[in-house]
Amino acid sequence: MKNDIVTCALKPGTQIREVEACSRYRASRTPVREALVELSAKGFIVLELNKGAIVAPLDTATVFSVFEARIPAEKAATALAALRATEKERESLDQYKRELFEIDPATDLDDFFAIDKAVHNALSHMSRNIYIADQIENLRAHTARCWHFYKERGLKEEADIKGMIAILEAVIANNPQEAAEAMRVHLGTYVNAYRDMMRDQIETLKWV
C-alpha cells in the first residue's frame, strides 16, 4: 500500500476503502487497518471521521515542507557519517565517487539516481543514529511521492554529479562541516527544480 501511494498508483485524494484494500493486497481487515494507522502516523494518508482513509493530498506547499524537514536531517546524518564512518565504509564511498565520474549526465540519469539513492542510504547508516535514519527514510519516501506526482506536471531533474561528488569527498576526508554544507547544496538543487517548474507554469498561464 505504501509503495502504491509513493508511486502514485494510489493518487493523492483517493479514498481507501477497507474491503477494496483487503482484496487488492490479499489481506484480512486487521492488517489492513494496522497498515492504515501506521501510514497515517507517517503522513501518507489522512484518517477522516465518516470518510475513512484518504491518500494525503499533495501541493507545492507540501513539497517545500518535506524539504524543510529533510535538509536538516540529511545534513546531520552526513556530518555524523563524516565523523563515524569506518575506513572500509569510506572506501565504499570512494567507489561510488569513481562510478560517478564515469556517468554521462545527458544519458545516464537512471544510473545517477541509483547511485544517489545508494549514497543517501549509506550515509544514513553511517551516521549510527537510528532516529535520524528512520526520519530520513520516511522523508525520502515523501520526496519520491512528490517526484512521481509532479514529473507528469513538468518537473525536470538533472544529475547533480558535481554536488554528489562534493558530499562524498567531504565525508571521505572526515570533514563534517563541508559534508553537511555539500548536502544542503545538493538537496537545494531539487528544491530549485520545483521552483523552476512553478515559474514555467506561471509563464505558461500568460498565454492561456
N, C-alpha and C. Protein backbone atom coordinates (compact mmCIF):
# COMPACT_ATOMS: atom_id res chain seq x y z
N MET A 1 0.83 -1.20 0.00
CA MET A 1 0.00 0.00 0.00
C MET A 1 0.87 1.26 0.00
N LYS A 2 1.92 1.24 0.82
CA LYS A 2 2.83 2.38 0.85
C LYS A 2 3.47 2.59 -0.51
N ASN A 3 3.89 1.51 -1.15
CA ASN A 3 4.52 1.63 -2.46
C ASN A 3 3.54 2.21 -3.48
N ASP A 4 2.29 1.80 -3.41
CA ASP A 4 1.28 2.33 -4.33
C ASP A 4 1.05 3.82 -4.10
N ILE A 5 1.13 4.25 -2.84
CA ILE A 5 0.96 5.67 -2.53
C ILE A 5 2.17 6.46 -3.00
N VAL A 6 3.38 5.94 -2.74
CA VAL A 6 4.61 6.64 -3.12
C VAL A 6 4.72 6.79 -4.63
N THR A 7 4.35 5.76 -5.37
CA THR A 7 4.45 5.80 -6.84
C THR A 7 3.23 6.43 -7.49
N CYS A 8 2.27 6.85 -6.66
CA CYS A 8 1.03 7.48 -7.13
C CYS A 8 0.14 6.54 -7.93
N ALA A 9 0.33 5.22 -7.74
CA ALA A 9 -0.66 4.27 -8.24
C ALA A 9 -1.98 4.54 -7.51
N LEU A 10 -1.86 4.92 -6.23
CA LEU A 10 -2.99 5.48 -5.48
C LEU A 10 -2.74 6.98 -5.43
N LYS A 11 -3.50 7.74 -6.18
CA LYS A 11 -3.24 9.17 -6.33
C LYS A 11 -3.69 9.96 -5.09
N PRO A 12 -3.06 11.11 -4.87
CA PRO A 12 -3.47 11.96 -3.75
C PRO A 12 -4.97 12.23 -3.78
N GLY A 13 -5.60 12.13 -2.60
CA GLY A 13 -7.03 12.36 -2.50
C GLY A 13 -7.89 11.13 -2.71
N THR A 14 -7.27 10.01 -3.11
CA THR A 14 -8.03 8.78 -3.32
C THR A 14 -8.53 8.21 -2.00
N GLN A 15 -9.79 7.80 -1.97
CA GLN A 15 -10.33 7.18 -0.77
C GLN A 15 -9.95 5.70 -0.77
N ILE A 16 -9.47 5.22 0.37
CA ILE A 16 -9.08 3.81 0.51
C ILE A 16 -10.16 3.11 1.31
N ARG A 17 -10.92 2.27 0.65
CA ARG A 17 -11.97 1.51 1.32
C ARG A 17 -11.41 0.18 1.79
N GLU A 18 -11.76 -0.19 3.01
CA GLU A 18 -11.18 -1.39 3.62
C GLU A 18 -11.43 -2.64 2.78
N VAL A 19 -12.65 -2.81 2.31
CA VAL A 19 -13.00 -4.03 1.56
C VAL A 19 -12.15 -4.12 0.29
N GLU A 20 -12.04 -2.98 -0.42
CA GLU A 20 -11.24 -2.97 -1.65
C GLU A 20 -9.76 -3.19 -1.35
N ALA A 21 -9.28 -2.61 -0.24
CA ALA A 21 -7.87 -2.78 0.13
C ALA A 21 -7.58 -4.23 0.49
N CYS A 22 -8.51 -4.88 1.18
CA CYS A 22 -8.32 -6.29 1.53
C CYS A 22 -8.17 -7.14 0.28
N SER A 23 -9.00 -6.84 -0.72
CA SER A 23 -8.93 -7.59 -1.97
C SER A 23 -7.66 -7.27 -2.74
N ARG A 24 -7.31 -5.99 -2.80
CA ARG A 24 -6.14 -5.55 -3.57
C ARG A 24 -4.84 -6.12 -3.01
N TYR A 25 -4.74 -6.16 -1.69
CA TYR A 25 -3.49 -6.58 -1.05
C TYR A 25 -3.57 -7.99 -0.46
N ARG A 26 -4.69 -8.66 -0.73
CA ARG A 26 -4.88 -10.04 -0.29
C ARG A 26 -4.60 -10.19 1.20
N ALA A 27 -5.27 -9.35 1.96
CA ALA A 27 -5.08 -9.35 3.41
C ALA A 27 -6.44 -9.23 4.10
N SER A 28 -6.46 -9.66 5.36
CA SER A 28 -7.69 -9.52 6.14
C SER A 28 -7.81 -8.09 6.66
N ARG A 29 -8.92 -7.78 7.28
CA ARG A 29 -9.17 -6.40 7.70
C ARG A 29 -8.20 -5.94 8.80
N THR A 30 -7.78 -6.84 9.67
CA THR A 30 -6.91 -6.42 10.78
C THR A 30 -5.58 -5.86 10.29
N PRO A 31 -4.83 -6.59 9.44
CA PRO A 31 -3.57 -5.99 8.96
C PRO A 31 -3.78 -4.76 8.08
N VAL A 32 -4.89 -4.70 7.35
CA VAL A 32 -5.17 -3.52 6.54
C VAL A 32 -5.38 -2.30 7.45
N ARG A 33 -6.16 -2.50 8.52
CA ARG A 33 -6.39 -1.40 9.46
C ARG A 33 -5.09 -0.98 10.14
N GLU A 34 -4.26 -1.95 10.48
CA GLU A 34 -2.98 -1.63 11.10
C GLU A 34 -2.09 -0.83 10.13
N ALA A 35 -2.13 -1.22 8.87
CA ALA A 35 -1.34 -0.50 7.86
C ALA A 35 -1.84 0.93 7.71
N LEU A 36 -3.14 1.11 7.73
CA LEU A 36 -3.71 2.46 7.60
C LEU A 36 -3.30 3.35 8.76
N VAL A 37 -3.32 2.78 9.96
CA VAL A 37 -2.91 3.56 11.13
C VAL A 37 -1.44 3.95 11.04
N GLU A 38 -0.60 3.00 10.63
CA GLU A 38 0.83 3.28 10.51
C GLU A 38 1.11 4.31 9.43
N LEU A 39 0.45 4.18 8.28
CA LEU A 39 0.67 5.13 7.19
C LEU A 39 0.12 6.51 7.53
N SER A 40 -0.92 6.54 8.35
CA SER A 40 -1.43 7.83 8.82
C SER A 40 -0.41 8.51 9.73
N ALA A 41 0.22 7.72 10.62
CA ALA A 41 1.22 8.27 11.53
C ALA A 41 2.42 8.82 10.77
N LYS A 42 2.70 8.25 9.59
CA LYS A 42 3.85 8.69 8.80
C LYS A 42 3.49 9.73 7.75
N GLY A 43 2.22 10.14 7.73
CA GLY A 43 1.82 11.24 6.87
C GLY A 43 1.41 10.88 5.45
N PHE A 44 1.26 9.58 5.16
CA PHE A 44 0.91 9.18 3.80
C PHE A 44 -0.59 9.15 3.56
N ILE A 45 -1.37 8.96 4.60
CA ILE A 45 -2.82 9.00 4.46
C ILE A 45 -3.41 9.85 5.57
N VAL A 46 -4.65 10.25 5.37
CA VAL A 46 -5.38 11.02 6.36
C VAL A 46 -6.61 10.23 6.75
N LEU A 47 -6.80 10.03 8.04
CA LEU A 47 -7.99 9.34 8.53
C LEU A 47 -9.03 10.39 8.92
N GLU A 48 -10.14 10.39 8.20
CA GLU A 48 -11.17 11.38 8.44
C GLU A 48 -12.44 10.73 8.97
N LEU A 49 -13.07 11.39 9.91
CA LEU A 49 -14.31 10.90 10.50
C LEU A 49 -15.39 10.80 9.42
N ASN A 50 -16.04 9.64 9.37
CA ASN A 50 -17.14 9.35 8.42
C ASN A 50 -16.68 9.21 6.97
N LYS A 51 -15.40 9.43 6.71
CA LYS A 51 -14.88 9.28 5.34
C LYS A 51 -13.87 8.15 5.24
N GLY A 52 -13.28 7.77 6.36
CA GLY A 52 -12.29 6.72 6.34
C GLY A 52 -10.91 7.24 5.95
N ALA A 53 -10.18 6.42 5.20
CA ALA A 53 -8.79 6.75 4.85
C ALA A 53 -8.73 7.43 3.48
N ILE A 54 -7.99 8.53 3.43
CA ILE A 54 -7.78 9.28 2.20
C ILE A 54 -6.27 9.40 1.97
N VAL A 55 -5.82 9.11 0.76
CA VAL A 55 -4.41 9.33 0.44
C VAL A 55 -4.11 10.82 0.61
N ALA A 56 -3.07 11.13 1.36
CA ALA A 56 -2.77 12.52 1.69
C ALA A 56 -2.64 13.36 0.43
N PRO A 57 -3.26 14.54 0.42
CA PRO A 57 -3.15 15.42 -0.74
C PRO A 57 -1.72 15.92 -0.94
N LEU A 58 -1.44 16.38 -2.14
CA LEU A 58 -0.12 16.94 -2.45
C LEU A 58 -0.29 18.31 -3.08
N ASP A 59 0.51 19.24 -2.65
CA ASP A 59 0.60 20.55 -3.29
C ASP A 59 2.02 21.07 -3.11
N THR A 60 2.33 22.19 -3.71
CA THR A 60 3.70 22.68 -3.65
C THR A 60 4.11 23.05 -2.22
N ALA A 61 3.15 23.47 -1.41
CA ALA A 61 3.48 23.78 -0.01
C ALA A 61 3.95 22.52 0.70
N THR A 62 3.33 21.39 0.39
CA THR A 62 3.75 20.12 0.99
C THR A 62 5.17 19.77 0.56
N VAL A 63 5.46 19.98 -0.72
CA VAL A 63 6.80 19.69 -1.24
C VAL A 63 7.85 20.44 -0.44
N PHE A 64 7.65 21.73 -0.26
CA PHE A 64 8.65 22.53 0.43
C PHE A 64 8.69 22.19 1.92
N SER A 65 7.56 21.76 2.49
CA SER A 65 7.57 21.31 3.89
C SER A 65 8.42 20.05 4.05
N VAL A 66 8.32 19.15 3.07
CA VAL A 66 9.13 17.93 3.10
C VAL A 66 10.61 18.28 3.09
N PHE A 67 11.00 19.21 2.22
CA PHE A 67 12.41 19.59 2.15
C PHE A 67 12.85 20.38 3.38
N GLU A 68 11.95 21.15 3.98
CA GLU A 68 12.27 21.85 5.22
C GLU A 68 12.69 20.87 6.30
N ALA A 69 12.06 19.71 6.30
CA ALA A 69 12.39 18.68 7.29
C ALA A 69 13.58 17.83 6.85
N ARG A 70 13.63 17.54 5.55
CA ARG A 70 14.65 16.61 5.06
C ARG A 70 16.05 17.21 5.06
N ILE A 71 16.18 18.47 4.66
CA ILE A 71 17.52 19.06 4.55
C ILE A 71 18.27 19.04 5.88
N PRO A 72 17.69 19.52 6.99
CA PRO A 72 18.45 19.45 8.25
C PRO A 72 18.73 18.02 8.72
N ALA A 73 17.79 17.11 8.45
CA ALA A 73 18.01 15.72 8.86
C ALA A 73 19.17 15.10 8.09
N GLU A 74 19.20 15.34 6.78
CA GLU A 74 20.27 14.76 5.97
C GLU A 74 21.61 15.45 6.23
N LYS A 75 21.58 16.75 6.53
CA LYS A 75 22.81 17.44 6.91
C LYS A 75 23.40 16.81 8.17
N ALA A 76 22.53 16.54 9.15
CA ALA A 76 23.00 15.94 10.40
C ALA A 76 23.57 14.55 10.16
N ALA A 77 22.87 13.75 9.35
CA ALA A 77 23.34 12.38 9.07
C ALA A 77 24.68 12.41 8.35
N THR A 78 24.83 13.34 7.40
CA THR A 78 26.06 13.41 6.62
C THR A 78 27.23 13.86 7.48
N ALA A 79 26.99 14.83 8.37
CA ALA A 79 28.05 15.27 9.27
C ALA A 79 28.48 14.14 10.20
N LEU A 80 27.51 13.40 10.73
CA LEU A 80 27.83 12.27 11.61
C LEU A 80 28.57 11.17 10.85
N ALA A 81 28.15 10.96 9.59
CA ALA A 81 28.84 9.94 8.78
C ALA A 81 30.30 10.32 8.57
N ALA A 82 30.55 11.61 8.36
CA ALA A 82 31.93 12.06 8.18
C ALA A 82 32.77 11.78 9.41
N LEU A 83 32.15 11.80 10.57
CA LEU A 83 32.85 11.54 11.83
C LEU A 83 32.95 10.06 12.16
N ARG A 84 31.93 9.28 11.78
CA ARG A 84 31.80 7.92 12.30
C ARG A 84 32.03 6.81 11.29
N ALA A 85 32.12 7.12 10.02
CA ALA A 85 32.31 6.07 9.02
C ALA A 85 33.64 5.36 9.24
N THR A 86 33.63 4.05 9.04
CA THR A 86 34.86 3.26 9.16
C THR A 86 35.69 3.42 7.89
N GLU A 87 36.92 2.97 7.94
CA GLU A 87 37.78 3.05 6.75
C GLU A 87 37.19 2.24 5.61
N LYS A 88 36.63 1.09 5.93
CA LYS A 88 36.02 0.24 4.89
C LYS A 88 34.83 0.96 4.27
N GLU A 89 34.05 1.64 5.09
CA GLU A 89 32.90 2.38 4.57
C GLU A 89 33.35 3.55 3.71
N ARG A 90 34.43 4.22 4.11
CA ARG A 90 34.94 5.31 3.29
C ARG A 90 35.43 4.80 1.93
N GLU A 91 35.97 3.61 1.93
CA GLU A 91 36.41 3.01 0.67
C GLU A 91 35.21 2.75 -0.24
N SER A 92 34.10 2.32 0.35
CA SER A 92 32.89 2.08 -0.45
C SER A 92 32.37 3.39 -1.03
N LEU A 93 32.48 4.47 -0.27
CA LEU A 93 32.06 5.77 -0.79
C LEU A 93 32.98 6.23 -1.92
N ASP A 94 34.25 5.92 -1.80
CA ASP A 94 35.20 6.27 -2.87
C ASP A 94 34.86 5.52 -4.16
N GLN A 95 34.34 4.31 -4.02
CA GLN A 95 33.93 3.55 -5.20
C GLN A 95 32.74 4.23 -5.87
N TYR A 96 31.80 4.72 -5.08
CA TYR A 96 30.68 5.47 -5.65
C TYR A 96 31.19 6.71 -6.40
N LYS A 97 32.18 7.36 -5.83
CA LYS A 97 32.74 8.56 -6.46
C LYS A 97 33.34 8.21 -7.82
N ARG A 98 34.06 7.10 -7.89
CA ARG A 98 34.65 6.69 -9.17
C ARG A 98 33.56 6.39 -10.19
N GLU A 99 32.47 5.78 -9.74
CA GLU A 99 31.37 5.46 -10.65
C GLU A 99 30.71 6.73 -11.18
N LEU A 100 30.63 7.74 -10.32
CA LEU A 100 30.01 9.00 -10.74
C LEU A 100 30.82 9.69 -11.83
N PHE A 101 32.13 9.58 -11.76
CA PHE A 101 32.99 10.19 -12.77
C PHE A 101 32.75 9.57 -14.15
N GLU A 102 32.24 8.34 -14.19
CA GLU A 102 32.04 7.64 -15.46
C GLU A 102 30.66 7.90 -16.05
N ILE A 103 29.79 8.60 -15.31
CA ILE A 103 28.42 8.81 -15.76
C ILE A 103 28.34 10.01 -16.70
N ASP A 104 27.58 9.84 -17.77
CA ASP A 104 27.26 10.93 -18.67
C ASP A 104 25.92 11.51 -18.22
N PRO A 105 25.89 12.73 -17.69
CA PRO A 105 24.65 13.29 -17.17
C PRO A 105 23.55 13.46 -18.21
N ALA A 106 23.93 13.46 -19.47
CA ALA A 106 22.94 13.64 -20.54
C ALA A 106 22.20 12.35 -20.87
N THR A 107 22.84 11.20 -20.58
CA THR A 107 22.24 9.93 -21.00
C THR A 107 22.07 8.92 -19.86
N ASP A 108 22.77 9.12 -18.75
CA ASP A 108 22.78 8.11 -17.70
C ASP A 108 22.03 8.57 -16.44
N LEU A 109 20.88 9.21 -16.63
CA LEU A 109 20.14 9.75 -15.50
C LEU A 109 19.71 8.66 -14.52
N ASP A 110 19.26 7.52 -15.05
CA ASP A 110 18.82 6.43 -14.18
C ASP A 110 19.98 5.89 -13.35
N ASP A 111 21.16 5.79 -13.97
CA ASP A 111 22.34 5.31 -13.24
C ASP A 111 22.70 6.29 -12.13
N PHE A 112 22.61 7.58 -12.43
CA PHE A 112 22.92 8.56 -11.39
C PHE A 112 21.99 8.44 -10.21
N PHE A 113 20.68 8.36 -10.47
CA PHE A 113 19.74 8.32 -9.35
C PHE A 113 19.84 7.01 -8.56
N ALA A 114 20.30 5.94 -9.21
CA ALA A 114 20.54 4.70 -8.47
C ALA A 114 21.70 4.89 -7.49
N ILE A 115 22.77 5.55 -7.95
CA ILE A 115 23.90 5.84 -7.06
C ILE A 115 23.50 6.84 -6.00
N ASP A 116 22.73 7.86 -6.40
CA ASP A 116 22.26 8.88 -5.46
C ASP A 116 21.49 8.21 -4.30
N LYS A 117 20.59 7.31 -4.64
CA LYS A 117 19.82 6.61 -3.61
C LYS A 117 20.72 5.78 -2.71
N ALA A 118 21.66 5.07 -3.32
CA ALA A 118 22.57 4.22 -2.55
C ALA A 118 23.43 5.05 -1.60
N VAL A 119 23.90 6.21 -2.05
CA VAL A 119 24.73 7.06 -1.21
C VAL A 119 23.94 7.62 -0.03
N HIS A 120 22.74 8.11 -0.30
CA HIS A 120 21.91 8.64 0.78
C HIS A 120 21.62 7.56 1.83
N ASN A 121 21.32 6.36 1.36
CA ASN A 121 21.07 5.26 2.30
C ASN A 121 22.32 4.92 3.10
N ALA A 122 23.46 4.91 2.42
CA ALA A 122 24.73 4.58 3.09
C ALA A 122 25.07 5.61 4.15
N LEU A 123 24.89 6.89 3.83
CA LEU A 123 25.22 7.95 4.79
C LEU A 123 24.30 7.87 6.01
N SER A 124 23.03 7.56 5.80
CA SER A 124 22.12 7.40 6.93
C SER A 124 22.60 6.29 7.85
N HIS A 125 23.02 5.18 7.26
CA HIS A 125 23.54 4.05 8.05
C HIS A 125 24.82 4.44 8.77
N MET A 126 25.70 5.15 8.08
CA MET A 126 26.99 5.51 8.67
C MET A 126 26.87 6.55 9.78
N SER A 127 25.72 7.22 9.85
CA SER A 127 25.52 8.20 10.93
C SER A 127 25.46 7.51 12.30
N ARG A 128 25.13 6.21 12.28
CA ARG A 128 25.00 5.43 13.53
C ARG A 128 23.93 6.05 14.46
N ASN A 129 22.92 6.66 13.84
CA ASN A 129 21.83 7.24 14.62
C ASN A 129 20.51 6.76 14.00
N ILE A 130 19.88 5.79 14.65
CA ILE A 130 18.69 5.17 14.07
C ILE A 130 17.51 6.14 14.00
N TYR A 131 17.48 7.12 14.88
CA TYR A 131 16.36 8.06 14.88
C TYR A 131 16.43 8.99 13.67
N ILE A 132 17.62 9.48 13.38
CA ILE A 132 17.79 10.30 12.19
C ILE A 132 17.58 9.47 10.94
N ALA A 133 18.12 8.25 10.93
CA ALA A 133 17.99 7.39 9.76
C ALA A 133 16.53 7.07 9.46
N ASP A 134 15.74 6.78 10.50
CA ASP A 134 14.32 6.48 10.31
C ASP A 134 13.58 7.70 9.77
N GLN A 135 13.92 8.86 10.28
CA GLN A 135 13.28 10.09 9.81
C GLN A 135 13.61 10.33 8.33
N ILE A 136 14.86 10.12 7.96
CA ILE A 136 15.27 10.34 6.57
C ILE A 136 14.59 9.34 5.65
N GLU A 137 14.48 8.09 6.08
CA GLU A 137 13.81 7.08 5.25
C GLU A 137 12.38 7.50 4.94
N ASN A 138 11.67 7.99 5.96
CA ASN A 138 10.30 8.43 5.75
C ASN A 138 10.23 9.65 4.83
N LEU A 139 11.13 10.61 5.05
CA LEU A 139 11.13 11.82 4.24
C LEU A 139 11.53 11.54 2.79
N ARG A 140 12.43 10.59 2.59
CA ARG A 140 12.81 10.22 1.22
C ARG A 140 11.62 9.61 0.49
N ALA A 141 10.80 8.84 1.20
CA ALA A 141 9.61 8.27 0.59
C ALA A 141 8.62 9.37 0.20
N HIS A 142 8.49 10.37 1.06
CA HIS A 142 7.63 11.50 0.72
C HIS A 142 8.19 12.28 -0.47
N THR A 143 9.51 12.42 -0.53
CA THR A 143 10.14 13.10 -1.67
C THR A 143 9.87 12.34 -2.95
N ALA A 144 9.96 11.01 -2.89
CA ALA A 144 9.71 10.18 -4.07
C ALA A 144 8.25 10.33 -4.53
N ARG A 145 7.33 10.42 -3.58
CA ARG A 145 5.92 10.60 -3.94
C ARG A 145 5.72 11.94 -4.65
N CYS A 146 6.36 12.98 -4.13
CA CYS A 146 6.28 14.29 -4.78
C CYS A 146 6.82 14.22 -6.20
N TRP A 147 7.93 13.51 -6.38
CA TRP A 147 8.55 13.41 -7.70
C TRP A 147 7.63 12.68 -8.67
N HIS A 148 7.06 11.53 -8.24
CA HIS A 148 6.17 10.77 -9.12
C HIS A 148 4.95 11.60 -9.51
N PHE A 149 4.46 12.42 -8.58
CA PHE A 149 3.27 13.21 -8.85
C PHE A 149 3.56 14.37 -9.79
N TYR A 150 4.67 15.05 -9.57
CA TYR A 150 4.94 16.27 -10.32
C TYR A 150 5.73 16.06 -11.61
N LYS A 151 6.31 14.89 -11.82
CA LYS A 151 7.06 14.68 -13.06
C LYS A 151 6.13 14.74 -14.27
N GLU A 152 4.84 14.40 -14.06
CA GLU A 152 3.87 14.50 -15.15
C GLU A 152 3.33 15.92 -15.30
N ARG A 153 3.76 16.80 -14.40
CA ARG A 153 3.30 18.18 -14.41
C ARG A 153 4.43 19.15 -14.73
N GLY A 154 5.50 18.63 -15.30
CA GLY A 154 6.57 19.50 -15.78
C GLY A 154 7.84 19.51 -14.96
N LEU A 155 7.92 18.69 -13.90
CA LEU A 155 9.14 18.67 -13.08
C LEU A 155 10.28 18.04 -13.86
N LYS A 156 11.42 18.73 -13.89
CA LYS A 156 12.61 18.22 -14.57
C LYS A 156 13.79 18.22 -13.60
N GLU A 157 14.36 17.05 -13.41
CA GLU A 157 15.53 16.94 -12.53
C GLU A 157 16.75 16.56 -13.34
N GLU A 158 17.88 17.09 -12.93
CA GLU A 158 19.14 16.78 -13.61
C GLU A 158 20.06 16.03 -12.67
N ALA A 159 21.05 15.38 -13.26
CA ALA A 159 22.01 14.62 -12.46
C ALA A 159 23.01 15.58 -11.82
N ASP A 160 22.92 15.76 -10.51
CA ASP A 160 23.84 16.66 -9.80
C ASP A 160 25.10 15.89 -9.42
N ILE A 161 25.86 15.53 -10.42
CA ILE A 161 27.06 14.72 -10.20
C ILE A 161 28.09 15.50 -9.39
N LYS A 162 28.29 16.76 -9.72
CA LYS A 162 29.27 17.58 -9.01
C LYS A 162 28.90 17.69 -7.52
N GLY A 163 27.63 17.88 -7.24
CA GLY A 163 27.20 18.00 -5.85
C GLY A 163 27.37 16.72 -5.07
N MET A 164 27.05 15.59 -5.71
CA MET A 164 27.20 14.31 -5.02
C MET A 164 28.67 14.00 -4.76
N ILE A 165 29.53 14.31 -5.71
CA ILE A 165 30.96 14.08 -5.51
C ILE A 165 31.49 14.94 -4.37
N ALA A 166 31.00 16.18 -4.27
CA ALA A 166 31.43 17.06 -3.18
C ALA A 166 31.06 16.47 -1.82
N ILE A 167 29.89 15.89 -1.72
CA ILE A 167 29.46 15.23 -0.48
C ILE A 167 30.40 14.07 -0.14
N LEU A 168 30.64 13.23 -1.12
CA LEU A 168 31.48 12.05 -0.90
C LEU A 168 32.90 12.44 -0.50
N GLU A 169 33.46 13.42 -1.17
CA GLU A 169 34.82 13.83 -0.85
C GLU A 169 34.92 14.37 0.57
N ALA A 170 33.92 15.12 1.01
CA ALA A 170 33.95 15.68 2.36
C ALA A 170 33.81 14.60 3.42
N VAL A 171 32.94 13.63 3.16
CA VAL A 171 32.77 12.53 4.13
C VAL A 171 34.03 11.69 4.19
N ILE A 172 34.59 11.37 3.04
CA ILE A 172 35.82 10.56 2.98
C ILE A 172 36.96 11.28 3.69
N ALA A 173 36.99 12.61 3.59
CA ALA A 173 38.06 13.42 4.20
C ALA A 173 37.81 13.69 5.68
N ASN A 174 36.71 13.14 6.22
CA ASN A 174 36.41 13.31 7.64
C ASN A 174 36.18 14.78 8.00
N ASN A 175 35.45 15.48 7.11
CA ASN A 175 35.17 16.91 7.32
C ASN A 175 33.65 17.10 7.46
N PRO A 176 33.12 17.08 8.69
CA PRO A 176 31.67 17.15 8.88
C PRO A 176 31.04 18.45 8.43
N GLN A 177 31.75 19.58 8.61
CA GLN A 177 31.18 20.87 8.22
C GLN A 177 30.99 20.96 6.70
N GLU A 178 32.03 20.58 5.96
CA GLU A 178 31.93 20.63 4.50
C GLU A 178 30.92 19.60 3.99
N ALA A 179 30.85 18.45 4.65
CA ALA A 179 29.92 17.41 4.23
C ALA A 179 28.47 17.88 4.39
N ALA A 180 28.18 18.50 5.53
CA ALA A 180 26.82 19.00 5.78
C ALA A 180 26.44 20.09 4.78
N GLU A 181 27.37 21.00 4.51
CA GLU A 181 27.09 22.09 3.57
C GLU A 181 26.92 21.55 2.15
N ALA A 182 27.72 20.56 1.78
CA ALA A 182 27.59 19.96 0.45
C ALA A 182 26.23 19.28 0.29
N MET A 183 25.76 18.64 1.36
CA MET A 183 24.44 18.01 1.32
C MET A 183 23.34 19.06 1.17
N ARG A 184 23.48 20.18 1.88
CA ARG A 184 22.49 21.25 1.77
C ARG A 184 22.40 21.76 0.34
N VAL A 185 23.56 21.98 -0.27
CA VAL A 185 23.59 22.48 -1.64
C VAL A 185 23.00 21.44 -2.60
N HIS A 186 23.33 20.18 -2.39
CA HIS A 186 22.83 19.11 -3.26
C HIS A 186 21.31 19.02 -3.21
N LEU A 187 20.74 18.98 -2.01
CA LEU A 187 19.29 18.90 -1.89
C LEU A 187 18.63 20.19 -2.40
N GLY A 188 19.36 21.28 -2.31
CA GLY A 188 18.84 22.54 -2.84
C GLY A 188 18.59 22.49 -4.34
N THR A 189 19.32 21.63 -5.05
CA THR A 189 19.10 21.52 -6.50
C THR A 189 17.71 20.95 -6.78
N TYR A 190 17.23 20.06 -5.91
CA TYR A 190 15.88 19.51 -6.06
C TYR A 190 14.84 20.60 -5.80
N VAL A 191 15.08 21.39 -4.76
CA VAL A 191 14.17 22.48 -4.45
C VAL A 191 14.10 23.45 -5.63
N ASN A 192 15.24 23.74 -6.21
CA ASN A 192 15.28 24.65 -7.36
C ASN A 192 14.51 24.07 -8.56
N ALA A 193 14.53 22.74 -8.71
CA ALA A 193 13.80 22.11 -9.81
C ALA A 193 12.29 22.36 -9.66
N TYR A 194 11.80 22.28 -8.42
CA TYR A 194 10.38 22.57 -8.20
C TYR A 194 10.08 24.04 -8.45
N ARG A 195 10.98 24.91 -8.03
CA ARG A 195 10.77 26.34 -8.27
C ARG A 195 10.74 26.65 -9.77
N ASP A 196 11.64 26.01 -10.51
CA ASP A 196 11.66 26.22 -11.96
C ASP A 196 10.36 25.74 -12.59
N MET A 197 9.85 24.60 -12.12
CA MET A 197 8.59 24.08 -12.65
C MET A 197 7.46 25.07 -12.41
N MET A 198 7.40 25.60 -11.18
CA MET A 198 6.34 26.56 -10.85
C MET A 198 6.47 27.82 -11.69
N ARG A 199 7.70 28.30 -11.89
CA ARG A 199 7.91 29.50 -12.69
C ARG A 199 7.47 29.28 -14.13
N ASP A 200 7.81 28.11 -14.68
CA ASP A 200 7.42 27.80 -16.05
C ASP A 200 5.91 27.73 -16.20
N GLN A 201 5.24 27.17 -15.19
CA GLN A 201 3.79 27.07 -15.25
C GLN A 201 3.14 28.45 -15.17
N ILE A 202 3.70 29.33 -14.37
CA ILE A 202 3.18 30.69 -14.28
C ILE A 202 3.37 31.42 -15.60
N GLU A 203 4.55 31.20 -16.22
CA GLU A 203 4.81 31.83 -17.52
C GLU A 203 3.82 31.32 -18.57
N THR A 204 3.49 30.02 -18.50
CA THR A 204 2.55 29.44 -19.45
C THR A 204 1.17 30.07 -19.34
N LEU A 205 0.77 30.39 -18.12
CA LEU A 205 -0.54 30.98 -17.90
C LEU A 205 -0.71 32.31 -18.64
N LYS A 206 0.38 32.98 -18.95
CA LYS A 206 0.29 34.24 -19.67
C LYS A 206 -0.26 34.06 -21.08
N TRP A 207 -0.14 32.81 -21.58
CA TRP A 207 -0.57 32.56 -22.95
C TRP A 207 -1.89 31.82 -23.01
N VAL A 208 -2.49 31.55 -21.86
CA VAL A 208 -3.76 30.81 -21.82
C VAL A 208 -4.92 31.78 -21.97
